[in-house]
């Protein structure tokens, strides 16, 4: 395993992050694995040297945090791993059950700590910027949690560059804890983040941890159809909203061709491309088969030539902004 600092922070993370949205209860989504079926993936990740695990309170409505927390407390040395979770999406139908207000952030953090079974969350992230709450209130609440020792670092996920810039400026002006990471939508078929967010993050020392690095599996498949063939592909309606550009298939085909040249899986080419992108610390990889994890780690050893990079990047066409 290879490790890197997350942005300019002192936090050392594995260059592959295990995304734990896949683990919880299939009552939430049909492709989610239950606790019994999830446990081998945590064991394998740790055996491979992965020390970075990302979940969110809304994944399986809290069950993902419970499953993740129990597995890691039993299998890992907790002082060696980086445990990340997120807050924003509603956890109930009533008022104050979602968003990034001070009330919801503080009560959601307390609930996540209980579900995870830990005293401190290593990386606590706002799941989205979208909110009518002033950013000053959000950041003051996050700083409060850091000063209480309930959170070590804070991060953000999916927003516009102006929102991230405003948040960084507000933290600096008030002497509050500052975002160290951006978990954004970034892969070979969706590269709009290269326009503003990624240059901002690189300038400000923010670590980039892309979600959906394989475009909901589209960049991993060797079958003719990039969007069918698995339980998730057949039931993930959100993926249809994210990936509907006619040019996507050309990028996917380019990935398959480069993979054939190198004798590796298309998923390894897609991850290797991300890992070679400036500013990227660790793609967040989901896995429903042990081979998915093993393949992700193999991608760390794949080096793409300038010619191969051009072949992968040339078919790309601009997309509408998606995932915010």
C-alpha atoms as a PDB file:
ATOM      1  CA  UNK A   1       0.000   0.000   0.000  1.00  0.00           C
ATOM      2  CA  UNK A   2       1.054   3.575  -0.652  1.00  0.00           C
ATOM      3  CA  UNK A   3       0.199   6.440   1.679  1.00  0.00           C
ATOM      4  CA  UNK A   4       0.021  10.196   1.365  1.00  0.00           C
ATOM      5  CA  UNK A   5      -0.798  13.249   3.433  1.00  0.00           C
ATOM      6  CA  UNK A   6      -4.362  14.481   2.997  1.00  0.00           C
ATOM      7  CA  UNK A   7      -3.740  17.924   1.550  1.00  0.00           C
ATOM      8  CA  UNK A   8      -1.474  20.023   3.734  1.00  0.00           C
ATOM      9  CA  UNK A   9      -2.755  18.361   6.893  1.00  0.00           C
ATOM     10  CA  UNK A  10      -0.653  15.907   8.861  1.00  0.00           C
ATOM     11  CA  UNK A  11      -3.187  13.132   8.301  1.00  0.00           C
ATOM     12  CA  UNK A  12      -1.656  10.099   6.554  1.00  0.00           C
ATOM     13  CA  UNK A  13      -4.111   8.111   4.440  1.00  0.00           C
ATOM     14  CA  UNK A  14      -3.845   5.113   2.154  1.00  0.00           C
ATOM     15  CA  UNK A  15      -4.091   6.053  -1.517  1.00  0.00           C
ATOM     16  CA  UNK A  16      -7.209   3.892  -1.778  1.00  0.00           C
ATOM     17  CA  UNK A  17     -10.154   4.731   0.477  1.00  0.00           C
ATOM     18  CA  UNK A  18     -12.808   2.080   1.097  1.00  0.00           C
ATOM     19  CA  UNK A  19     -16.229   3.610   0.592  1.00  0.00           C
ATOM     20  CA  UNK A  20     -18.666   2.043   3.049  1.00  0.00           C
ATOM     21  CA  UNK A  21     -21.947   3.057   1.431  1.00  0.00           C
ATOM     22  CA  UNK A  22     -22.030  -0.537   0.159  1.00  0.00           C
ATOM     23  CA  UNK A  23     -22.255  -1.941   3.698  1.00  0.00           C
ATOM     24  CA  UNK A  24     -25.328  -1.664   5.896  1.00  0.00           C
ATOM     25  CA  UNK A  25     -28.723  -3.085   4.999  1.00  0.00           C
ATOM     26  CA  UNK A  26     -30.286  -4.005   1.630  1.00  0.00           C
ATOM     27  CA  UNK A  27     -33.537  -2.581   2.987  1.00  0.00           C
ATOM     28  CA  UNK A  28     -32.053   0.810   2.087  1.00  0.00           C
ATOM     29  CA  UNK A  29     -30.789  -0.117  -1.412  1.00  0.00           C
ATOM     30  CA  UNK A  30     -30.948  -3.611  -2.993  1.00  0.00           C
ATOM     31  CA  UNK A  31     -27.224  -3.674  -3.799  1.00  0.00           C
ATOM     32  CA  UNK A  32     -26.100  -2.983  -0.203  1.00  0.00           C
ATOM     33  CA  UNK A  33     -24.509  -5.909   1.680  1.00  0.00           C
ATOM     34  CA  UNK A  34     -25.676  -6.749   5.184  1.00  0.00           C
ATOM     35  CA  UNK A  35     -23.320  -6.937   8.152  1.00  0.00           C
ATOM     36  CA  UNK A  36     -22.426 -10.616   7.780  1.00  0.00           C
ATOM     37  CA  UNK A  37     -21.557 -10.225   4.103  1.00  0.00           C
ATOM     38  CA  UNK A  38     -19.751  -6.925   4.714  1.00  0.00           C
ATOM     39  CA  UNK A  39     -17.233  -8.109   7.275  1.00  0.00           C
ATOM     40  CA  UNK A  40     -14.831  -9.877   4.848  1.00  0.00           C
ATOM     41  CA  UNK A  41     -14.368  -6.599   2.986  1.00  0.00           C
ATOM     42  CA  UNK A  42     -13.129  -4.780   6.082  1.00  0.00           C
ATOM     43  CA  UNK A  43     -10.772  -7.661   6.855  1.00  0.00           C
ATOM     44  CA  UNK A  44      -9.432  -7.691   3.300  1.00  0.00           C
ATOM     45  CA  UNK A  45      -9.033  -3.907   3.192  1.00  0.00           C
ATOM     46  CA  UNK A  46      -6.995  -3.947   6.375  1.00  0.00           C
ATOM     47  CA  UNK A  47      -4.890  -6.860   5.119  1.00  0.00           C
ATOM     48  CA  UNK A  48      -4.148  -4.859   1.962  1.00  0.00           C
ATOM     49  CA  UNK A  49      -2.967  -1.920   4.063  1.00  0.00           C
ATOM     50  CA  UNK A  50      -5.985   0.346   3.559  1.00  0.00           C
ATOM     51  CA  UNK A  51      -6.319   2.652   6.555  1.00  0.00           C
ATOM     52  CA  UNK A  52      -8.922   5.091   5.171  1.00  0.00           C
ATOM     53  CA  UNK A  53     -12.645   4.322   5.516  1.00  0.00           C
ATOM     54  CA  UNK A  54     -15.450   6.678   4.487  1.00  0.00           C
ATOM     55  CA  UNK A  55     -19.132   6.452   5.350  1.00  0.00           C
ATOM     56  CA  UNK A  56     -22.045   8.846   6.070  1.00  0.00           C
ATOM     57  CA  UNK A  57     -24.906   8.998   8.508  1.00  0.00           C
ATOM     58  CA  UNK A  58     -27.491   8.709   5.724  1.00  0.00           C
ATOM     59  CA  UNK A  59     -26.019   5.500   4.247  1.00  0.00           C
ATOM     60  CA  UNK A  60     -28.528   2.802   5.185  1.00  0.00           C
ATOM     61  CA  UNK A  61     -29.948   5.454   7.537  1.00  0.00           C
ATOM     62  CA  UNK A  62     -27.227   4.941  10.106  1.00  0.00           C
ATOM     63  CA  UNK A  63     -26.694   1.199   9.706  1.00  0.00           C
ATOM     64  CA  UNK A  64     -23.562   1.706   7.587  1.00  0.00           C
ATOM     65  CA  UNK A  65     -21.937   3.592  10.457  1.00  0.00           C
ATOM     66  CA  UNK A  66     -22.923   0.830  12.888  1.00  0.00           C
ATOM     67  CA  UNK A  67     -21.538  -1.930  10.638  1.00  0.00           C
ATOM     68  CA  UNK A  68     -18.368   0.032   9.863  1.00  0.00           C
ATOM     69  CA  UNK A  69     -17.743   0.926  13.488  1.00  0.00           C
ATOM     70  CA  UNK A  70     -18.197  -2.622  14.798  1.00  0.00           C
ATOM     71  CA  UNK A  71     -15.961  -4.146  12.123  1.00  0.00           C
ATOM     72  CA  UNK A  72     -13.125  -1.667  12.571  1.00  0.00           C
ATOM     73  CA  UNK A  73     -13.215  -1.693  16.364  1.00  0.00           C
ATOM     74  CA  UNK A  74     -12.885  -5.483  16.278  1.00  0.00           C
ATOM     75  CA  UNK A  75     -10.383  -5.857  13.429  1.00  0.00           C
ATOM     76  CA  UNK A  76      -8.249  -2.704  13.350  1.00  0.00           C
ATOM     77  CA  UNK A  77      -5.924  -0.725  15.565  1.00  0.00           C
ATOM     78  CA  UNK A  78      -8.121   2.354  15.745  1.00  0.00           C
ATOM     79  CA  UNK A  79      -5.199   4.708  16.340  1.00  0.00           C
ATOM     80  CA  UNK A  80      -3.793   3.684  12.935  1.00  0.00           C
ATOM     81  CA  UNK A  81      -6.879   4.183  10.771  1.00  0.00           C
ATOM     82  CA  UNK A  82      -8.654   7.265   9.452  1.00  0.00           C
ATOM     83  CA  UNK A  83     -12.410   7.038   9.943  1.00  0.00           C
ATOM     84  CA  UNK A  84     -14.516   9.528   7.995  1.00  0.00           C
ATOM     85  CA  UNK A  85     -18.236  10.201   7.970  1.00  0.00           C
ATOM     86  CA  UNK A  86     -20.571  12.907   6.673  1.00  0.00           C
ATOM     87  CA  UNK A  87     -23.566  15.023   7.675  1.00  0.00           C
ATOM     88  CA  UNK A  88     -26.279  16.811   5.688  1.00  0.00           C
ATOM     89  CA  UNK A  89     -28.980  14.567   4.259  1.00  0.00           C
ATOM     90  CA  UNK A  90     -32.181  14.109   6.311  1.00  0.00           C
ATOM     91  CA  UNK A  91     -32.178  11.407   8.961  1.00  0.00           C
ATOM     92  CA  UNK A  92     -35.918  11.707   9.561  1.00  0.00           C
ATOM     93  CA  UNK A  93     -39.050  13.483   8.416  1.00  0.00           C
ATOM     94  CA  UNK A  94     -39.217  16.090  11.177  1.00  0.00           C
ATOM     95  CA  UNK A  95     -37.719  19.591  11.267  1.00  0.00           C
ATOM     96  CA  UNK A  96     -34.026  19.898  12.188  1.00  0.00           C
ATOM     97  CA  UNK A  97     -33.333  16.336  11.010  1.00  0.00           C
ATOM     98  CA  UNK A  98     -31.116  17.366   8.096  1.00  0.00           C
ATOM     99  CA  UNK A  99     -28.958  20.152   6.719  1.00  0.00           C
ATOM    100  CA  UNK A 100     -25.903  21.927   8.091  1.00  0.00           C
ATOM    101  CA  UNK A 101     -27.349  24.110  10.840  1.00  0.00           C
ATOM    102  CA  UNK A 102     -25.571  24.218  14.197  1.00  0.00           C
ATOM    103  CA  UNK A 103     -28.351  22.170  15.771  1.00  0.00           C
ATOM    104  CA  UNK A 104     -28.313  19.408  13.194  1.00  0.00           C
ATOM    105  CA  UNK A 105     -24.522  19.230  12.896  1.00  0.00           C
ATOM    106  CA  UNK A 106     -24.031  18.881  16.652  1.00  0.00           C
ATOM    107  CA  UNK A 107     -26.821  16.363  17.187  1.00  0.00           C
ATOM    108  CA  UNK A 108     -25.843  14.409  14.062  1.00  0.00           C
ATOM    109  CA  UNK A 109     -22.226  14.212  15.221  1.00  0.00           C
ATOM    110  CA  UNK A 110     -23.325  12.873  18.620  1.00  0.00           C
ATOM    111  CA  UNK A 111     -25.463  10.248  16.855  1.00  0.00           C
ATOM    112  CA  UNK A 112     -22.608   9.256  14.513  1.00  0.00           C
ATOM    113  CA  UNK A 113     -20.215   8.875  17.438  1.00  0.00           C
ATOM    114  CA  UNK A 114     -22.683   6.510  19.132  1.00  0.00           C
ATOM    115  CA  UNK A 115     -23.243   4.458  15.991  1.00  0.00           C
ATOM    116  CA  UNK A 116     -19.541   4.240  15.173  1.00  0.00           C
ATOM    117  CA  UNK A 117     -18.705   3.457  18.802  1.00  0.00           C
ATOM    118  CA  UNK A 118     -15.817   5.926  18.959  1.00  0.00           C
ATOM    119  CA  UNK A 119     -14.986   9.006  21.006  1.00  0.00           C
ATOM    120  CA  UNK A 120     -13.658  11.034  18.073  1.00  0.00           C
ATOM    121  CA  UNK A 121     -14.311  11.100  14.317  1.00  0.00           C
ATOM    122  CA  UNK A 122     -11.098  11.574  12.352  1.00  0.00           C
ATOM    123  CA  UNK A 123     -12.655  13.397   9.382  1.00  0.00           C
ATOM    124  CA  UNK A 124     -16.136  14.919   9.656  1.00  0.00           C
ATOM    125  CA  UNK A 125     -17.479  16.231   6.356  1.00  0.00           C
ATOM    126  CA  UNK A 126     -20.466  18.265   5.260  1.00  0.00           C
ATOM    127  CA  UNK A 127     -22.103  16.030   2.654  1.00  0.00           C
ATOM    128  CA  UNK A 128     -23.216  19.026   0.563  1.00  0.00           C
ATOM    129  CA  UNK A 129     -22.941  22.813   0.689  1.00  0.00           C
ATOM    130  CA  UNK A 130     -26.557  23.216  -0.412  1.00  0.00           C
ATOM    131  CA  UNK A 131     -28.271  25.039   2.441  1.00  0.00           C
ATOM    132  CA  UNK A 132     -29.983  28.279   3.429  1.00  0.00           C
ATOM    133  CA  UNK A 133     -27.877  28.311   6.616  1.00  0.00           C
ATOM    134  CA  UNK A 134     -25.114  30.965   6.692  1.00  0.00           C
ATOM    135  CA  UNK A 135     -21.726  29.329   6.245  1.00  0.00           C
ATOM    136  CA  UNK A 136     -20.587  31.108   9.433  1.00  0.00           C
ATOM    137  CA  UNK A 137     -23.065  29.041  11.460  1.00  0.00           C
ATOM    138  CA  UNK A 138     -21.950  25.795   9.829  1.00  0.00           C
ATOM    139  CA  UNK A 139     -18.249  26.429  10.327  1.00  0.00           C
ATOM    140  CA  UNK A 140     -18.679  27.663  13.902  1.00  0.00           C
ATOM    141  CA  UNK A 141     -20.516  24.423  14.724  1.00  0.00           C
ATOM    142  CA  UNK A 142     -17.770  22.317  13.135  1.00  0.00           C
ATOM    143  CA  UNK A 143     -15.080  24.289  14.976  1.00  0.00           C
ATOM    144  CA  UNK A 144     -17.006  23.724  18.218  1.00  0.00           C
ATOM    145  CA  UNK A 145     -16.833  19.957  17.634  1.00  0.00           C
ATOM    146  CA  UNK A 146     -13.095  20.119  16.915  1.00  0.00           C
ATOM    147  CA  UNK A 147     -12.444  22.114  20.101  1.00  0.00           C
ATOM    148  CA  UNK A 148     -14.527  19.603  22.085  1.00  0.00           C
ATOM    149  CA  UNK A 149     -12.320  16.780  20.769  1.00  0.00           C
ATOM    150  CA  UNK A 150     -15.233  15.021  19.047  1.00  0.00           C
ATOM    151  CA  UNK A 151     -13.802  15.693  15.581  1.00  0.00           C
ATOM    152  CA  UNK A 152     -10.139  15.858  14.532  1.00  0.00           C
ATOM    153  CA  UNK A 153     -10.400  17.305  11.014  1.00  0.00           C
ATOM    154  CA  UNK A 154     -13.207  18.667   8.856  1.00  0.00           C
ATOM    155  CA  UNK A 155     -13.904  18.329   5.145  1.00  0.00           C
ATOM    156  CA  UNK A 156     -16.509  19.096   2.506  1.00  0.00           C
ATOM    157  CA  UNK A 157     -18.173  17.244  -0.351  1.00  0.00           C
ATOM    158  CA  UNK A 158     -19.536  18.428  -3.695  1.00  0.00           C
ATOM    159  CA  UNK A 159     -20.126  22.105  -4.155  1.00  0.00           C
ATOM    160  CA  UNK A 160     -19.102  25.055  -6.255  1.00  0.00           C
ATOM    161  CA  UNK A 161     -15.614  26.498  -6.025  1.00  0.00           C
ATOM    162  CA  UNK A 162     -16.970  29.849  -4.816  1.00  0.00           C
ATOM    163  CA  UNK A 163     -18.652  28.071  -1.895  1.00  0.00           C
ATOM    164  CA  UNK A 164     -15.427  26.322  -0.951  1.00  0.00           C
ATOM    165  CA  UNK A 165     -13.411  29.553  -1.293  1.00  0.00           C
ATOM    166  CA  UNK A 166     -15.888  31.429   0.894  1.00  0.00           C
ATOM    167  CA  UNK A 167     -15.741  28.703   3.529  1.00  0.00           C
ATOM    168  CA  UNK A 168     -11.938  28.718   3.621  1.00  0.00           C
ATOM    169  CA  UNK A 169     -11.877  32.495   3.883  1.00  0.00           C
ATOM    170  CA  UNK A 170     -14.466  32.488   6.676  1.00  0.00           C
ATOM    171  CA  UNK A 171     -12.494  29.927   8.690  1.00  0.00           C
ATOM    172  CA  UNK A 172      -9.283  31.890   8.331  1.00  0.00           C
ATOM    173  CA  UNK A 173     -10.946  35.192   9.250  1.00  0.00           C
ATOM    174  CA  UNK A 174     -12.381  33.738  12.457  1.00  0.00           C
ATOM    175  CA  UNK A 175      -9.547  31.413  13.433  1.00  0.00           C
ATOM    176  CA  UNK A 176     -11.783  28.346  13.051  1.00  0.00           C
ATOM    177  CA  UNK A 177     -10.942  24.827  11.941  1.00  0.00           C
ATOM    178  CA  UNK A 178     -10.433  24.735   8.171  1.00  0.00           C
ATOM    179  CA  UNK A 179     -11.531  22.163   5.606  1.00  0.00           C
ATOM    180  CA  UNK A 180      -8.633  19.853   4.754  1.00  0.00           C
ATOM    181  CA  UNK A 181     -10.373  17.790   2.072  1.00  0.00           C
ATOM    182  CA  UNK A 182     -12.860  17.928  -0.788  1.00  0.00           C
ATOM    183  CA  UNK A 183     -14.832  14.783  -1.622  1.00  0.00           C
ATOM    184  CA  UNK A 184     -16.008  15.591  -5.113  1.00  0.00           C
ATOM    185  CA  UNK A 185     -17.507  13.949  -8.196  1.00  0.00           C
ATOM    186  CA  UNK A 186     -14.534  13.228 -10.431  1.00  0.00           C
ATOM    187  CA  UNK A 187     -13.681  10.469 -12.907  1.00  0.00           C
ATOM    188  CA  UNK A 188     -12.734   9.931 -16.545  1.00  0.00           C
ATOM    189  CA  UNK A 189     -16.266  10.577 -17.814  1.00  0.00           C
ATOM    190  CA  UNK A 190     -16.965  13.546 -15.515  1.00  0.00           C
ATOM    191  CA  UNK A 191     -14.123  16.067 -15.349  1.00  0.00           C
ATOM    192  CA  UNK A 192     -15.910  19.368 -14.799  1.00  0.00           C
ATOM    193  CA  UNK A 193     -14.159  19.675 -11.416  1.00  0.00           C
ATOM    194  CA  UNK A 194     -10.933  20.395 -13.304  1.00  0.00           C
ATOM    195  CA  UNK A 195     -12.244  23.841 -14.261  1.00  0.00           C
ATOM    196  CA  UNK A 196     -12.370  25.532 -10.843  1.00  0.00           C
ATOM    197  CA  UNK A 197     -12.638  23.257  -7.803  1.00  0.00           C
ATOM    198  CA  UNK A 198      -9.473  21.238  -8.322  1.00  0.00           C
ATOM    199  CA  UNK A 199      -7.231  24.269  -9.054  1.00  0.00           C
ATOM    200  CA  UNK A 200      -8.646  25.920  -5.921  1.00  0.00           C
ATOM    201  CA  UNK A 201      -7.945  22.825  -3.825  1.00  0.00           C
ATOM    202  CA  UNK A 202      -4.400  22.528  -5.129  1.00  0.00           C
ATOM    203  CA  UNK A 203      -3.712  26.210  -4.436  1.00  0.00           C
ATOM    204  CA  UNK A 204      -5.139  25.975  -0.908  1.00  0.00           C
ATOM    205  CA  UNK A 205      -3.632  22.614   0.055  1.00  0.00           C
ATOM    206  CA  UNK A 206      -6.943  20.745   0.134  1.00  0.00           C
ATOM    207  CA  UNK A 207      -6.753  16.983  -0.392  1.00  0.00           C
ATOM    208  CA  UNK A 208      -9.025  15.600  -3.135  1.00  0.00           C
ATOM    209  CA  UNK A 209     -10.833  12.315  -2.440  1.00  0.00           C
ATOM    210  CA  UNK A 210     -13.073  11.677  -5.467  1.00  0.00           C
ATOM    211  CA  UNK A 211     -16.376   9.840  -5.156  1.00  0.00           C
ATOM    212  CA  UNK A 212     -17.678   7.626  -7.956  1.00  0.00           C
ATOM    213  CA  UNK A 213     -14.156   7.162  -9.383  1.00  0.00           C
ATOM    214  CA  UNK A 214     -15.481   4.415 -11.670  1.00  0.00           C
ATOM    215  CA  UNK A 215     -18.605   6.352 -12.717  1.00  0.00           C
ATOM    216  CA  UNK A 216     -20.964   4.035 -10.850  1.00  0.00           C
ATOM    217  CA  UNK A 217     -19.174   1.028 -12.381  1.00  0.00           C
ATOM    218  CA  UNK A 218     -19.342   2.230 -15.977  1.00  0.00           C
ATOM    219  CA  UNK A 219     -15.557   2.504 -16.210  1.00  0.00           C
ATOM    220  CA  UNK A 220     -15.084  -0.977 -14.756  1.00  0.00           C
ATOM    221  CA  UNK A 221     -17.166  -3.135 -17.066  1.00  0.00           C
ATOM    222  CA  UNK A 222     -15.917  -5.138 -19.994  1.00  0.00           C
ATOM    223  CA  UNK A 223     -19.460  -5.941 -21.210  1.00  0.00           C
ATOM    224  CA  UNK A 224     -20.932  -4.099 -24.228  1.00  0.00           C
ATOM    225  CA  UNK A 225     -23.380  -2.174 -22.059  1.00  0.00           C
ATOM    226  CA  UNK A 226     -21.727   0.178 -19.562  1.00  0.00           C
ATOM    227  CA  UNK A 227     -24.885   0.619 -17.498  1.00  0.00           C
ATOM    228  CA  UNK A 228     -26.396  -2.838 -16.948  1.00  0.00           C
ATOM    229  CA  UNK A 229     -25.410  -6.229 -15.651  1.00  0.00           C
ATOM    230  CA  UNK A 230     -25.215  -5.842 -11.863  1.00  0.00           C
ATOM    231  CA  UNK A 231     -27.800  -5.359  -9.131  1.00  0.00           C
ATOM    232  CA  UNK A 232     -26.578  -1.816  -8.583  1.00  0.00           C
ATOM    233  CA  UNK A 233     -26.426  -0.947 -12.266  1.00  0.00           C
ATOM    234  CA  UNK A 234     -29.943  -2.225 -12.816  1.00  0.00           C
ATOM    235  CA  UNK A 235     -31.415  -0.325  -9.841  1.00  0.00           C
ATOM    236  CA  UNK A 236     -29.284   2.829  -9.445  1.00  0.00           C
ATOM    237  CA  UNK A 237     -31.506   5.534 -10.916  1.00  0.00           C
ATOM    238  CA  UNK A 238     -29.152   8.271  -9.685  1.00  0.00           C
ATOM    239  CA  UNK A 239     -26.470   6.963 -12.043  1.00  0.00           C
ATOM    240  CA  UNK A 240     -28.763   7.645 -14.988  1.00  0.00           C
ATOM    241  CA  UNK A 241     -29.008  11.277 -13.877  1.00  0.00           C
ATOM    242  CA  UNK A 242     -25.221  11.552 -13.567  1.00  0.00           C
ATOM    243  CA  UNK A 243     -24.165   9.823 -16.762  1.00  0.00           C
ATOM    244  CA  UNK A 244     -26.288  10.449 -19.820  1.00  0.00           C
ATOM    245  CA  UNK A 245     -23.831  12.117 -22.206  1.00  0.00           C
ATOM    246  CA  UNK A 246     -23.384  10.360 -25.593  1.00  0.00           C
ATOM    247  CA  UNK A 247     -19.642  11.032 -25.376  1.00  0.00           C
ATOM    248  CA  UNK A 248     -19.306   8.885 -22.236  1.00  0.00           C
ATOM    249  CA  UNK A 249     -19.235   5.647 -24.207  1.00  0.00           C
ATOM    250  CA  UNK A 250     -16.257   6.904 -26.240  1.00  0.00           C
ATOM    251  CA  UNK A 251     -14.318   7.526 -23.038  1.00  0.00           C
ATOM    252  CA  UNK A 252     -15.318   4.107 -21.701  1.00  0.00           C
ATOM    253  CA  UNK A 253     -14.182   2.457 -24.945  1.00  0.00           C
ATOM    254  CA  UNK A 254     -10.862   4.292 -24.751  1.00  0.00           C
ATOM    255  CA  UNK A 255     -10.372   2.936 -21.242  1.00  0.00           C
ATOM    256  CA  UNK A 256     -11.033  -0.600 -22.428  1.00  0.00           C
ATOM    257  CA  UNK A 257      -8.495  -0.233 -25.244  1.00  0.00           C
ATOM    258  CA  UNK A 258      -5.766   1.055 -22.942  1.00  0.00           C
ATOM    259  CA  UNK A 259      -6.560  -1.717 -20.461  1.00  0.00           C
ATOM    260  CA  UNK A 260      -6.176  -4.312 -23.217  1.00  0.00           C
ATOM    261  CA  UNK A 261      -2.802  -2.825 -24.183  1.00  0.00           C
ATOM    262  CA  UNK A 262      -1.575  -3.042 -20.595  1.00  0.00           C
ATOM    263  CA  UNK A 263      -3.183  -6.394 -19.797  1.00  0.00           C
ATOM    264  CA  UNK A 264      -5.083  -4.996 -16.815  1.00  0.00           C
ATOM    265  CA  UNK A 265      -8.737  -4.438 -15.950  1.00  0.00           C
ATOM    266  CA  UNK A 266     -10.518  -1.280 -17.215  1.00  0.00           C
ATOM    267  CA  UNK A 267     -11.188  -0.309 -13.592  1.00  0.00           C
ATOM    268  CA  UNK A 268      -7.449  -0.290 -12.921  1.00  0.00           C
ATOM    269  CA  UNK A 269      -6.865   2.086 -15.820  1.00  0.00           C
ATOM    270  CA  UNK A 270      -9.611   4.428 -14.607  1.00  0.00           C
ATOM    271  CA  UNK A 271      -8.204   4.464 -11.065  1.00  0.00           C
ATOM    272  CA  UNK A 272      -4.620   4.806 -12.284  1.00  0.00           C
ATOM    273  CA  UNK A 273      -5.669   7.861 -14.294  1.00  0.00           C
ATOM    274  CA  UNK A 274      -7.185   9.442 -11.179  1.00  0.00           C
ATOM    275  CA  UNK A 275      -4.182   8.563  -9.037  1.00  0.00           C
ATOM    276  CA  UNK A 276      -1.929  10.335 -11.549  1.00  0.00           C
ATOM    277  CA  UNK A 277      -4.069  13.499 -11.516  1.00  0.00           C
ATOM    278  CA  UNK A 278      -2.637  16.473  -9.600  1.00  0.00           C
ATOM    279  CA  UNK A 279      -4.036  16.918  -6.118  1.00  0.00           C
ATOM    280  CA  UNK A 280      -5.819  13.576  -5.877  1.00  0.00           C
ATOM    281  CA  UNK A 281      -5.060  11.858  -2.574  1.00  0.00           C
ATOM    282  CA  UNK A 282      -7.303   8.781  -2.557  1.00  0.00           C
ATOM    283  CA  UNK A 283     -10.251   7.739  -4.736  1.00  0.00           C
ATOM    284  CA  UNK A 284     -13.170   6.378  -2.704  1.00  0.00           C
ATOM    285  CA  UNK A 285     -13.779   2.852  -3.971  1.00  0.00           C
ATOM    286  CA  UNK A 286     -16.863   0.748  -3.277  1.00  0.00           C
ATOM    287  CA  UNK A 287     -16.593  -3.034  -3.383  1.00  0.00           C
ATOM    288  CA  UNK A 288     -19.168  -5.823  -3.495  1.00  0.00           C
ATOM    289  CA  UNK A 289     -16.608  -8.465  -4.481  1.00  0.00           C
ATOM    290  CA  UNK A 290     -13.213  -9.056  -2.890  1.00  0.00           C
ATOM    291  CA  UNK A 291     -11.690  -8.810  -6.362  1.00  0.00           C
ATOM    292  CA  UNK A 292     -12.877  -5.201  -6.529  1.00  0.00           C
ATOM    293  CA  UNK A 293     -10.618  -4.335  -3.610  1.00  0.00           C
ATOM    294  CA  UNK A 294      -7.664  -6.317  -4.901  1.00  0.00           C
ATOM    295  CA  UNK A 295      -8.035  -4.699  -8.321  1.00  0.00           C
ATOM    296  CA  UNK A 296      -8.188  -1.216  -6.801  1.00  0.00           C
ATOM    297  CA  UNK A 297      -4.914  -1.788  -4.979  1.00  0.00           C
ATOM    298  CA  UNK A 298      -3.295  -3.156  -8.145  1.00  0.00           C
ATOM    299  CA  UNK A 299      -4.131   0.161  -9.826  1.00  0.00           C
ATOM    300  CA  UNK A 300      -1.466   1.764  -7.617  1.00  0.00           C
ATOM    301  CA  UNK A 301       1.159  -0.039  -9.685  1.00  0.00           C
ATOM    302  CA  UNK A 302      -0.246   0.952 -13.094  1.00  0.00           C
ATOM    303  CA  UNK A 303       1.621   3.801 -14.784  1.00  0.00           C
ATOM    304  CA  UNK A 304       0.025   5.413 -17.810  1.00  0.00           C
ATOM    305  CA  UNK A 305       2.244   6.844 -20.529  1.00  0.00           C
ATOM    306  CA  UNK A 306       1.667  10.332 -21.991  1.00  0.00           C
ATOM    307  CA  UNK A 307       0.244   8.664 -25.110  1.00  0.00           C
ATOM    308  CA  UNK A 308      -2.160   6.560 -23.065  1.00  0.00           C
ATOM    309  CA  UNK A 309      -3.249   9.585 -21.053  1.00  0.00           C
ATOM    310  CA  UNK A 310      -4.013  11.436 -24.285  1.00  0.00           C
ATOM    311  CA  UNK A 311      -6.006   8.480 -25.601  1.00  0.00           C
ATOM    312  CA  UNK A 312      -8.099   8.431 -22.426  1.00  0.00           C
ATOM    313  CA  UNK A 313      -8.679  12.175 -22.275  1.00  0.00           C
ATOM    314  CA  UNK A 314      -9.250  13.177 -25.911  1.00  0.00           C
ATOM    315  CA  UNK A 315     -12.828  11.786 -26.256  1.00  0.00           C
ATOM    316  CA  UNK A 316     -14.120  13.825 -23.322  1.00  0.00           C
ATOM    317  CA  UNK A 317     -16.836  16.401 -23.967  1.00  0.00           C
ATOM    318  CA  UNK A 318     -18.058  19.040 -21.480  1.00  0.00           C
ATOM    319  CA  UNK A 319     -20.920  17.998 -19.207  1.00  0.00           C
ATOM    320  CA  UNK A 320     -23.579  19.874 -17.269  1.00  0.00           C
ATOM    321  CA  UNK A 321     -22.572  20.208 -13.616  1.00  0.00           C
ATOM    322  CA  UNK A 322     -23.756  17.064 -11.806  1.00  0.00           C
ATOM    323  CA  UNK A 323     -23.538  15.783  -8.255  1.00  0.00           C
ATOM    324  CA  UNK A 324     -23.794  19.009  -6.268  1.00  0.00           C
END
